[in-house]
Amino acid sequence: MDLSNLLETTLAGLGYELVDMERSAQGRMMRIFIDKPGGINLDDCAKVSNHLSRVLTVENVPYERLEVSSPGLDRPLRQERDFLRFAGQKARVKLRVPVDGQRNFVGVLGKTQAGKVAIEVEGKTVVFELANLDKARLVPVI
């Protein structure tokens, strides 16, 4: 059983998106980060937590503690749909292999298509492959 697929399918049915999942080394603690258009509030977290605790029990997924929360203002970006959704917003990107001699970029997300993402950095457009992505997060606007 693929836990990620189980969570994505279950959350999609409830109207939420799985942003990330973390498990402790022994798998006892499971942390789920969810999102939806308009953001997440405490009631959303409680609703998802209650539903997931039942699903995980039925599917015999071992855990002792389940935490459900929003991804925060510095939300991670991982999939093409994330970059499409947040186009026009500022992000911090770290690549595995340098592009133009650089691995770290902070700029405004641009066009995303066919596994490639454009980011505007200091008036210059840098394009990288999603497969080359190490980490990416939104930069909170304060």
Protein backbone atom coordinates (compact mmCIF):
# COMPACT_ATOMS: atom_id res chain seq x y z
CA MET A 1 0.00 0.00 0.00
CA ASP A 2 1.31 3.44 -0.96
CA LEU A 3 0.62 5.79 1.94
CA SER A 4 1.05 8.92 -0.20
CA ASN A 5 -1.57 7.75 -2.69
CA LEU A 6 -3.94 6.79 0.12
CA LEU A 7 -3.57 10.24 1.72
CA GLU A 8 -3.85 12.13 -1.58
CA THR A 9 -6.99 10.24 -2.60
CA THR A 10 -8.62 10.59 0.81
CA LEU A 11 -7.81 14.29 1.12
CA ALA A 12 -8.95 15.06 -2.43
CA GLY A 13 -12.31 13.49 -1.58
CA LEU A 14 -12.60 15.92 1.31
CA GLY A 15 -11.59 18.93 -0.82
CA TYR A 16 -8.01 19.25 0.44
CA GLU A 17 -4.57 18.87 -1.07
CA LEU A 18 -1.73 16.88 0.49
CA VAL A 19 1.24 19.26 0.61
CA ASP A 20 3.66 17.12 2.59
CA MET A 21 3.89 14.20 4.98
CA GLU A 22 6.54 13.45 7.60
CA ARG A 23 7.02 10.36 9.72
CA SER A 24 9.34 9.91 12.66
CA ALA A 25 12.17 7.39 12.41
CA GLN A 26 10.12 4.68 14.09
CA GLY A 27 6.96 5.74 12.25
CA ARG A 28 5.12 6.47 15.47
CA MET A 29 4.45 10.13 14.75
CA MET A 30 2.87 11.17 11.46
CA ARG A 31 2.62 14.84 10.45
CA ILE A 32 0.35 15.76 7.53
CA PHE A 33 0.36 19.21 5.89
CA ILE A 34 -2.81 20.13 4.00
CA ASP A 35 -3.99 23.07 1.92
CA LYS A 36 -7.01 24.27 -0.02
CA PRO A 37 -7.82 27.45 -1.93
CA GLY A 38 -8.51 30.16 0.64
CA GLY A 39 -6.26 28.56 3.26
CA ILE A 40 -6.63 26.24 6.22
CA ASN A 41 -8.14 26.91 9.63
CA LEU A 42 -8.37 24.93 12.86
CA ASP A 43 -11.72 23.37 11.92
CA ASP A 44 -10.18 22.03 8.69
CA CYS A 45 -7.33 20.42 10.66
CA ALA A 46 -9.74 18.83 13.14
CA LYS A 47 -12.00 17.52 10.35
CA VAL A 48 -9.07 15.98 8.45
CA SER A 49 -7.49 14.56 11.62
CA ASN A 50 -10.72 12.80 12.62
CA HIS A 51 -11.25 11.41 9.13
CA LEU A 52 -7.65 10.28 8.65
CA SER A 53 -7.49 8.56 12.04
CA ARG A 54 -10.40 6.34 10.92
CA VAL A 55 -8.93 5.70 7.45
CA LEU A 56 -5.48 4.86 8.84
CA THR A 57 -7.02 2.44 11.35
CA VAL A 58 -9.09 0.69 8.65
CA GLU A 59 -6.03 0.48 6.36
CA ASN A 60 -3.85 -0.88 9.23
CA VAL A 61 -1.31 1.96 8.99
CA PRO A 62 0.68 1.93 12.24
CA TYR A 63 1.06 5.25 14.06
CA GLU A 64 0.72 6.54 17.61
CA ARG A 65 0.32 10.26 17.04
CA LEU A 66 -1.22 12.14 14.11
CA GLU A 67 -0.71 15.86 13.53
CA VAL A 68 -2.53 17.77 10.80
CA SER A 69 -1.64 21.37 9.99
CA SER A 70 -1.36 23.99 7.28
CA PRO A 71 1.91 24.26 5.36
CA GLY A 72 2.48 27.79 6.67
CA LEU A 73 3.30 31.02 4.86
CA ASP A 74 6.55 29.57 3.52
CA ARG A 75 4.71 26.68 1.90
CA PRO A 76 6.90 24.09 0.16
CA LEU A 77 6.57 23.76 -3.61
CA ARG A 78 7.19 20.29 -5.03
CA GLN A 79 4.99 19.44 -7.96
CA GLU A 80 4.24 21.19 -11.23
CA ARG A 81 0.75 22.06 -9.97
CA ASP A 82 2.33 23.97 -7.05
CA PHE A 83 4.38 26.14 -9.41
CA LEU A 84 1.35 26.72 -11.64
CA ARG A 85 -0.83 27.72 -8.68
CA PHE A 86 1.70 30.14 -7.22
CA ALA A 87 2.94 31.72 -10.48
CA GLY A 88 3.60 35.42 -9.90
CA GLN A 89 4.63 34.92 -6.28
CA LYS A 90 8.11 35.13 -4.80
CA ALA A 91 9.90 31.86 -4.03
CA ARG A 92 13.25 30.56 -2.79
CA VAL A 93 14.53 27.70 -4.96
CA LYS A 94 17.48 25.35 -4.43
CA LEU A 95 18.57 23.10 -7.29
CA ARG A 96 20.53 19.85 -7.23
CA VAL A 97 22.67 20.79 -10.24
CA PRO A 98 23.62 24.44 -10.96
CA VAL A 99 21.97 26.42 -13.74
CA ASP A 100 24.11 29.28 -15.07
CA GLY A 101 26.64 28.41 -12.34
CA GLN A 102 24.13 28.91 -9.52
CA ARG A 103 22.05 26.54 -7.37
CA ASN A 104 20.11 28.99 -5.15
CA PHE A 105 17.60 31.50 -6.50
CA VAL A 106 15.10 33.92 -4.99
CA GLY A 107 12.67 35.46 -7.43
CA VAL A 108 9.18 35.57 -8.87
CA LEU A 109 7.78 32.36 -10.28
CA GLY A 110 6.92 32.54 -13.96
CA LYS A 111 5.65 30.18 -16.61
CA THR A 112 5.58 26.46 -15.83
CA GLN A 113 5.01 23.80 -18.45
CA ALA A 114 6.25 20.40 -19.56
CA GLY A 115 8.32 19.88 -16.41
CA LYS A 116 10.14 23.21 -16.68
CA VAL A 117 9.79 26.22 -14.38
CA ALA A 118 10.80 29.82 -15.06
CA ILE A 119 11.80 32.15 -12.24
CA GLU A 120 12.51 35.86 -12.67
CA VAL A 121 15.64 36.78 -10.70
CA GLU A 122 16.93 40.36 -10.76
CA GLY A 123 15.52 41.06 -14.22
CA LYS A 124 16.78 37.79 -15.68
CA THR A 125 14.69 34.69 -16.38
CA VAL A 126 16.15 31.37 -15.26
CA VAL A 127 14.52 28.13 -16.43
CA PHE A 128 15.08 24.85 -14.60
CA GLU A 129 13.77 21.30 -14.85
CA LEU A 130 11.50 20.13 -12.03
CA ALA A 131 13.63 16.97 -11.91
CA ASN A 132 16.55 19.21 -10.86
CA LEU A 133 14.60 20.70 -7.92
CA ASP A 134 16.04 20.07 -4.46
CA LYS A 135 13.85 22.44 -2.40
CA ALA A 136 11.48 25.30 -3.09
CA ARG A 137 9.39 27.43 -0.74
CA LEU A 138 7.26 30.50 -1.06
CA VAL A 139 8.76 33.64 0.43
CA PRO A 140 6.18 35.15 2.83
CA VAL A 141 5.08 38.70 2.04
CA ILE A 142 5.33 40.73 5.23
